[in-house]
Amino acid sequence: MEALVSKKPPPQDSSVYGKSRPASATHKALITRNLKLAYGQVASEPVPQRLLDILSALDESEDKKS
């Protein structure tokens, strides 16, 4: 994660964007990119078995009530 944060923001090349973006827009783009990378990694991790067991127990409990 540290490597992601320390990377330089995308270049402010006027040929790419039509005109130079302000620093705040560049920072926002960098933050957005890093958040997507971080949350994408978390979302791709498997759900821990303990949580699956809890959800299963809750489902069984609800089935018994109905």
PDB file of N, CA and C in Angstrom:
ATOM      1  N   MET A   1       0.825  -1.183   0.000  1.00  0.00           N
ATOM      2  CA  MET A   1       0.000   0.000   0.000  1.00  0.00           C
ATOM      3  C   MET A   1       0.873   1.251   0.000  1.00  0.00           C
ATOM      4  N   GLU A   2       1.958   1.223   0.734  1.00  0.00           N
ATOM      5  CA  GLU A   2       2.852   2.385   0.793  1.00  0.00           C
ATOM      6  C   GLU A   2       3.379   2.740  -0.588  1.00  0.00           C
ATOM      7  N   ALA A   3       3.667   1.727  -1.388  1.00  0.00           N
ATOM      8  CA  ALA A   3       4.168   1.980  -2.742  1.00  0.00           C
ATOM      9  C   ALA A   3       3.122   2.682  -3.589  1.00  0.00           C
ATOM     10  N   LEU A   4       1.856   2.368  -3.375  1.00  0.00           N
ATOM     11  CA  LEU A   4       0.792   3.006  -4.152  1.00  0.00           C
ATOM     12  C   LEU A   4       0.674   4.484  -3.814  1.00  0.00           C
ATOM     13  N   VAL A   5       0.779   4.798  -2.534  1.00  0.00           N
ATOM     14  CA  VAL A   5       0.607   6.175  -2.092  1.00  0.00           C
ATOM     15  C   VAL A   5       1.774   7.042  -2.538  1.00  0.00           C
ATOM     16  N   SER A   6       2.963   6.473  -2.577  1.00  0.00           N
ATOM     17  CA  SER A   6       4.139   7.275  -2.896  1.00  0.00           C
ATOM     18  C   SER A   6       4.361   7.466  -4.394  1.00  0.00           C
ATOM     19  N   LYS A   7       3.567   6.781  -5.223  1.00  0.00           N
ATOM     20  CA  LYS A   7       3.717   6.973  -6.669  1.00  0.00           C
ATOM     21  C   LYS A   7       3.326   8.386  -7.057  1.00  0.00           C
ATOM     22  N   LYS A   8       3.981   8.887  -8.061  1.00  0.00           N
ATOM     23  CA  LYS A   8       3.662  10.229  -8.540  1.00  0.00           C
ATOM     24  C   LYS A   8       2.309  10.238  -9.234  1.00  0.00           C
ATOM     25  N   PRO A   9       1.585  11.361  -9.142  1.00  0.00           N
ATOM     26  CA  PRO A   9       0.293  11.464  -9.819  1.00  0.00           C
ATOM     27  C   PRO A   9       0.479  11.458 -11.330  1.00  0.00           C
ATOM     28  N   PRO A  10      -0.613  11.227 -12.084  1.00  0.00           N
ATOM     29  CA  PRO A  10      -0.511  11.247 -13.542  1.00  0.00           C
ATOM     30  C   PRO A  10       0.016  12.592 -14.032  1.00  0.00           C
ATOM     31  N   PRO A  11       0.727  12.599 -15.141  1.00  0.00           N
ATOM     32  CA  PRO A  11       1.294  13.849 -15.637  1.00  0.00           C
ATOM     33  C   PRO A  11       0.215  14.860 -16.012  1.00  0.00           C
ATOM     34  N   GLN A  12       0.559  16.124 -15.856  1.00  0.00           N
ATOM     35  CA  GLN A  12      -0.371  17.193 -16.221  1.00  0.00           C
ATOM     36  C   GLN A  12      -0.028  17.714 -17.605  1.00  0.00           C
ATOM     37  N   ASP A  13       0.029  16.801 -18.552  1.00  0.00           N
ATOM     38  CA  ASP A  13       0.359  17.149 -19.924  1.00  0.00           C
ATOM     39  C   ASP A  13      -0.864  17.775 -20.593  1.00  0.00           C
ATOM     40  N   SER A  14      -0.709  18.999 -21.073  1.00  0.00           N
ATOM     41  CA  SER A  14      -1.847  19.698 -21.658  1.00  0.00           C
ATOM     42  C   SER A  14      -2.354  19.021 -22.932  1.00  0.00           C
ATOM     43  N   SER A  15      -1.514  18.218 -23.598  1.00  0.00           N
ATOM     44  CA  SER A  15      -1.987  17.539 -24.799  1.00  0.00           C
ATOM     45  C   SER A  15      -2.919  16.378 -24.436  1.00  0.00           C
ATOM     46  N   VAL A  16      -2.788  15.848 -23.227  1.00  0.00           N
ATOM     47  CA  VAL A  16      -3.626  14.738 -22.805  1.00  0.00           C
ATOM     48  C   VAL A  16      -4.993  15.232 -22.350  1.00  0.00           C
ATOM     49  N   TYR A  17      -5.043  16.313 -21.616  1.00  0.00           N
ATOM     50  CA  TYR A  17      -6.275  16.792 -21.012  1.00  0.00           C
ATOM     51  C   TYR A  17      -6.877  18.000 -21.728  1.00  0.00           C
ATOM     52  N   GLY A  18      -6.243  18.493 -22.726  1.00  0.00           N
ATOM     53  CA  GLY A  18      -6.740  19.674 -23.409  1.00  0.00           C
ATOM     54  C   GLY A  18      -6.215  20.948 -22.762  1.00  0.00           C
ATOM     55  N   LYS A  19      -6.110  20.934 -21.455  1.00  0.00           N
ATOM     56  CA  LYS A  19      -5.487  22.036 -20.718  1.00  0.00           C
ATOM     57  C   LYS A  19      -4.968  21.471 -19.407  1.00  0.00           C
ATOM     58  N   SER A  20      -4.118  22.175 -18.766  1.00  0.00           N
ATOM     59  CA  SER A  20      -3.519  21.732 -17.521  1.00  0.00           C
ATOM     60  C   SER A  20      -4.570  21.663 -16.415  1.00  0.00           C
ATOM     61  N   ARG A  21      -4.545  20.559 -15.652  1.00  0.00           N
ATOM     62  CA  ARG A  21      -5.481  20.420 -14.542  1.00  0.00           C
ATOM     63  C   ARG A  21      -4.877  21.054 -13.297  1.00  0.00           C
ATOM     64  N   PRO A  22      -5.725  21.613 -12.441  1.00  0.00           N
ATOM     65  CA  PRO A  22      -5.200  22.154 -11.186  1.00  0.00           C
ATOM     66  C   PRO A  22      -4.686  21.028 -10.293  1.00  0.00           C
ATOM     67  N   ALA A  23      -3.822  21.387  -9.360  1.00  0.00           N
ATOM     68  CA  ALA A  23      -3.211  20.390  -8.482  1.00  0.00           C
ATOM     69  C   ALA A  23      -4.269  19.619  -7.712  1.00  0.00           C
ATOM     70  N   SER A  24      -5.346  20.267  -7.298  1.00  0.00           N
ATOM     71  CA  SER A  24      -6.373  19.568  -6.522  1.00  0.00           C
ATOM     72  C   SER A  24      -7.028  18.454  -7.346  1.00  0.00           C
ATOM     73  N   ALA A  25      -7.237  18.680  -8.625  1.00  0.00           N
ATOM     74  CA  ALA A  25      -7.813  17.654  -9.486  1.00  0.00           C
ATOM     75  C   ALA A  25      -6.848  16.488  -9.644  1.00  0.00           C
ATOM     76  N   THR A  26      -5.575  16.789  -9.742  1.00  0.00           N
ATOM     77  CA  THR A  26      -4.560  15.746  -9.862  1.00  0.00           C
ATOM     78  C   THR A  26      -4.509  14.920  -8.588  1.00  0.00           C
ATOM     79  N   HIS A  27      -4.569  15.580  -7.441  1.00  0.00           N
ATOM     80  CA  HIS A  27      -4.556  14.869  -6.164  1.00  0.00           C
ATOM     81  C   HIS A  27      -5.804  14.006  -6.016  1.00  0.00           C
ATOM     82  N   LYS A  28      -6.936  14.546  -6.439  1.00  0.00           N
ATOM     83  CA  LYS A  28      -8.180  13.775  -6.368  1.00  0.00           C
ATOM     84  C   LYS A  28      -8.072  12.521  -7.233  1.00  0.00           C
ATOM     85  N   ALA A  29      -7.502  12.654  -8.417  1.00  0.00           N
ATOM     86  CA  ALA A  29      -7.335  11.509  -9.312  1.00  0.00           C
ATOM     87  C   ALA A  29      -6.412  10.469  -8.685  1.00  0.00           C
ATOM     88  N   LEU A  30      -5.353  10.912  -8.036  1.00  0.00           N
ATOM     89  CA  LEU A  30      -4.412   9.995  -7.386  1.00  0.00           C
ATOM     90  C   LEU A  30      -5.083   9.282  -6.215  1.00  0.00           C
ATOM     91  N   ILE A  31      -5.828  10.013  -5.410  1.00  0.00           N
ATOM     92  CA  ILE A  31      -6.533   9.418  -4.276  1.00  0.00           C
ATOM     93  C   ILE A  31      -7.565   8.413  -4.772  1.00  0.00           C
ATOM     94  N   THR A  32      -8.324   8.791  -5.787  1.00  0.00           N
ATOM     95  CA  THR A  32      -9.346   7.900  -6.340  1.00  0.00           C
ATOM     96  C   THR A  32      -8.719   6.611  -6.845  1.00  0.00           C
ATOM     97  N   ARG A  33      -7.633   6.730  -7.569  1.00  0.00           N
ATOM     98  CA  ARG A  33      -6.954   5.546  -8.116  1.00  0.00           C
ATOM     99  C   ARG A  33      -6.473   4.627  -6.995  1.00  0.00           C
ATOM    100  N   ASN A  34      -5.869   5.208  -5.965  1.00  0.00           N
ATOM    101  CA  ASN A  34      -5.347   4.393  -4.870  1.00  0.00           C
ATOM    102  C   ASN A  34      -6.467   3.741  -4.063  1.00  0.00           C
ATOM    103  N   LEU A  35      -7.577   4.448  -3.864  1.00  0.00           N
ATOM    104  CA  LEU A  35      -8.705   3.852  -3.145  1.00  0.00           C
ATOM    105  C   LEU A  35      -9.288   2.680  -3.930  1.00  0.00           C
ATOM    106  N   LYS A  36      -9.416   2.840  -5.243  1.00  0.00           N
ATOM    107  CA  LYS A  36      -9.935   1.753  -6.070  1.00  0.00           C
ATOM    108  C   LYS A  36      -9.011   0.540  -6.008  1.00  0.00           C
ATOM    109  N   LEU A  37      -7.702   0.781  -6.031  1.00  0.00           N
ATOM    110  CA  LEU A  37      -6.755  -0.330  -5.940  1.00  0.00           C
ATOM    111  C   LEU A  37      -6.865  -1.032  -4.595  1.00  0.00           C
ATOM    112  N   ALA A  38      -6.919  -0.261  -3.516  1.00  0.00           N
ATOM    113  CA  ALA A  38      -6.974  -0.845  -2.177  1.00  0.00           C
ATOM    114  C   ALA A  38      -8.268  -1.615  -1.966  1.00  0.00           C
ATOM    115  N   TYR A  39      -9.409  -1.013  -2.291  1.00  0.00           N
ATOM    116  CA  TYR A  39     -10.680  -1.685  -2.084  1.00  0.00           C
ATOM    117  C   TYR A  39     -10.863  -2.843  -3.050  1.00  0.00           C
ATOM    118  N   GLY A  40     -10.299  -2.750  -4.231  1.00  0.00           N
ATOM    119  CA  GLY A  40     -10.369  -3.859  -5.179  1.00  0.00           C
ATOM    120  C   GLY A  40      -9.640  -5.077  -4.650  1.00  0.00           C
ATOM    121  N   GLN A  41      -8.499  -4.851  -4.007  1.00  0.00           N
ATOM    122  CA  GLN A  41      -7.754  -5.959  -3.427  1.00  0.00           C
ATOM    123  C   GLN A  41      -8.535  -6.600  -2.289  1.00  0.00           C
ATOM    124  N   VAL A  42      -9.148  -5.784  -1.457  1.00  0.00           N
ATOM    125  CA  VAL A  42      -9.932  -6.304  -0.330  1.00  0.00           C
ATOM    126  C   VAL A  42     -11.147  -7.065  -0.839  1.00  0.00           C
ATOM    127  N   ALA A  43     -11.819  -6.518  -1.840  1.00  0.00           N
ATOM    128  CA  ALA A  43     -13.030  -7.153  -2.363  1.00  0.00           C
ATOM    129  C   ALA A  43     -12.730  -8.498  -3.020  1.00  0.00           C
ATOM    130  N   SER A  44     -11.525  -8.663  -3.518  1.00  0.00           N
ATOM    131  CA  SER A  44     -11.190  -9.922  -4.195  1.00  0.00           C
ATOM    132  C   SER A  44     -10.738 -11.010  -3.217  1.00  0.00           C
ATOM    133  N   GLU A  45     -10.547 -10.656  -1.947  1.00  0.00           N
ATOM    134  CA  GLU A  45     -10.151 -11.656  -0.956  1.00  0.00           C
ATOM    135  C   GLU A  45     -11.352 -12.528  -0.593  1.00  0.00           C
ATOM    136  N   PRO A  46     -11.108 -13.786  -0.288  1.00  0.00           N
ATOM    137  CA  PRO A  46     -12.222 -14.664   0.087  1.00  0.00           C
ATOM    138  C   PRO A  46     -12.788 -14.271   1.457  1.00  0.00           C
ATOM    139  N   VAL A  47     -14.059 -14.586   1.647  1.00  0.00           N
ATOM    140  CA  VAL A  47     -14.706 -14.322   2.932  1.00  0.00           C
ATOM    141  C   VAL A  47     -14.169 -15.348   3.931  1.00  0.00           C
ATOM    142  N   PRO A  48     -13.743 -14.912   5.117  1.00  0.00           N
ATOM    143  CA  PRO A  48     -13.225 -15.861   6.108  1.00  0.00           C
ATOM    144  C   PRO A  48     -14.284 -16.902   6.491  1.00  0.00           C
ATOM    145  N   GLN A  49     -13.829 -18.115   6.703  1.00  0.00           N
ATOM    146  CA  GLN A  49     -14.733 -19.218   7.035  1.00  0.00           C
ATOM    147  C   GLN A  49     -15.545 -18.920   8.282  1.00  0.00           C
ATOM    148  N   ARG A  50     -14.974 -18.249   9.248  1.00  0.00           N
ATOM    149  CA  ARG A  50     -15.687 -17.908  10.490  1.00  0.00           C
ATOM    150  C   ARG A  50     -16.931 -17.087  10.176  1.00  0.00           C
ATOM    151  N   LEU A  51     -16.803 -16.114   9.284  1.00  0.00           N
ATOM    152  CA  LEU A  51     -17.963 -15.298   8.925  1.00  0.00           C
ATOM    153  C   LEU A  51     -18.996 -16.115   8.153  1.00  0.00           C
ATOM    154  N   LEU A  52     -18.541 -16.994   7.287  1.00  0.00           N
ATOM    155  CA  LEU A  52     -19.465 -17.866   6.557  1.00  0.00           C
ATOM    156  C   LEU A  52     -20.240 -18.766   7.521  1.00  0.00           C
ATOM    157  N   ASP A  53     -19.550 -19.249   8.567  1.00  0.00           N
ATOM    158  CA  ASP A  53     -20.208 -20.087   9.567  1.00  0.00           C
ATOM    159  C   ASP A  53     -21.273 -19.296  10.322  1.00  0.00           C
ATOM    160  N   ILE A  54     -20.976 -18.058  10.677  1.00  0.00           N
ATOM    161  CA  ILE A  54     -21.942 -17.206  11.374  1.00  0.00           C
ATOM    162  C   ILE A  54     -23.156 -16.952  10.493  1.00  0.00           C
ATOM    163  N   LEU A  55     -22.930 -16.642   9.226  1.00  0.00           N
ATOM    164  CA  LEU A  55     -24.049 -16.402   8.308  1.00  0.00           C
ATOM    165  C   LEU A  55     -24.897 -17.662   8.138  1.00  0.00           C
ATOM    166  N   SER A  56     -24.253 -18.795   8.070  1.00  0.00           N
ATOM    167  CA  SER A  56     -24.975 -20.056   7.938  1.00  0.00           C
ATOM    168  C   SER A  56     -25.836 -20.307   9.177  1.00  0.00           C
ATOM    169  N   ALA A  57     -25.268 -20.054  10.348  1.00  0.00           N
ATOM    170  CA  ALA A  57     -26.019 -20.235  11.586  1.00  0.00           C
ATOM    171  C   ALA A  57     -27.219 -19.289  11.640  1.00  0.00           C
ATOM    172  N   LEU A  58     -27.047 -18.078  11.189  1.00  0.00           N
ATOM    173  CA  LEU A  58     -28.157 -17.125  11.153  1.00  0.00           C
ATOM    174  C   LEU A  58     -29.250 -17.591  10.199  1.00  0.00           C
ATOM    175  N   ASP A  59     -28.849 -18.092   9.033  1.00  0.00           N
ATOM    176  CA  ASP A  59     -29.827 -18.614   8.070  1.00  0.00           C
ATOM    177  C   ASP A  59     -30.617 -19.779   8.667  1.00  0.00           C
ATOM    178  N   GLU A  60     -29.912 -20.691   9.333  1.00  0.00           N
ATOM    179  CA  GLU A  60     -30.585 -21.833   9.956  1.00  0.00           C
ATOM    180  C   GLU A  60     -31.556 -21.369  11.039  1.00  0.00           C
ATOM    181  N   SER A  61     -31.142 -20.377  11.808  1.00  0.00           N
ATOM    182  CA  SER A  61     -31.996 -19.828  12.860  1.00  0.00           C
ATOM    183  C   SER A  61     -33.270 -19.225  12.268  1.00  0.00           C
ATOM    184  N   GLU A  62     -33.132 -18.509  11.163  1.00  0.00           N
ATOM    185  CA  GLU A  62     -34.284 -17.900  10.502  1.00  0.00           C
ATOM    186  C   GLU A  62     -35.199 -18.973   9.916  1.00  0.00           C
ATOM    187  N   ASP A  63     -34.629 -20.049   9.384  1.00  0.00           N
ATOM    188  CA  ASP A  63     -35.416 -21.137   8.802  1.00  0.00           C
ATOM    189  C   ASP A  63     -36.255 -21.834   9.877  1.00  0.00           C
ATOM    190  N   LYS A  64     -35.705 -21.981  11.070  1.00  0.00           N
ATOM    191  CA  LYS A  64     -36.417 -22.635  12.154  1.00  0.00           C
ATOM    192  C   LYS A  64     -37.576 -21.791  12.663  1.00  0.00           C
ATOM    193  N   LYS A  65     -37.458 -20.459  12.559  1.00  0.00           N
ATOM    194  CA  LYS A  65     -38.516 -19.560  13.013  1.00  0.00           C
ATOM    195  C   LYS A  65     -39.711 -19.565  12.071  1.00  0.00           C
ATOM    196  N   SER A  66     -39.481 -19.818  10.787  1.00  0.00           N
ATOM    197  CA  SER A  66     -40.590 -19.751   9.826  1.00  0.00           C
ATOM    198  C   SER A  66     -41.298 -21.045   9.625  1.00  0.00           C
TER     199      SER A  66
END
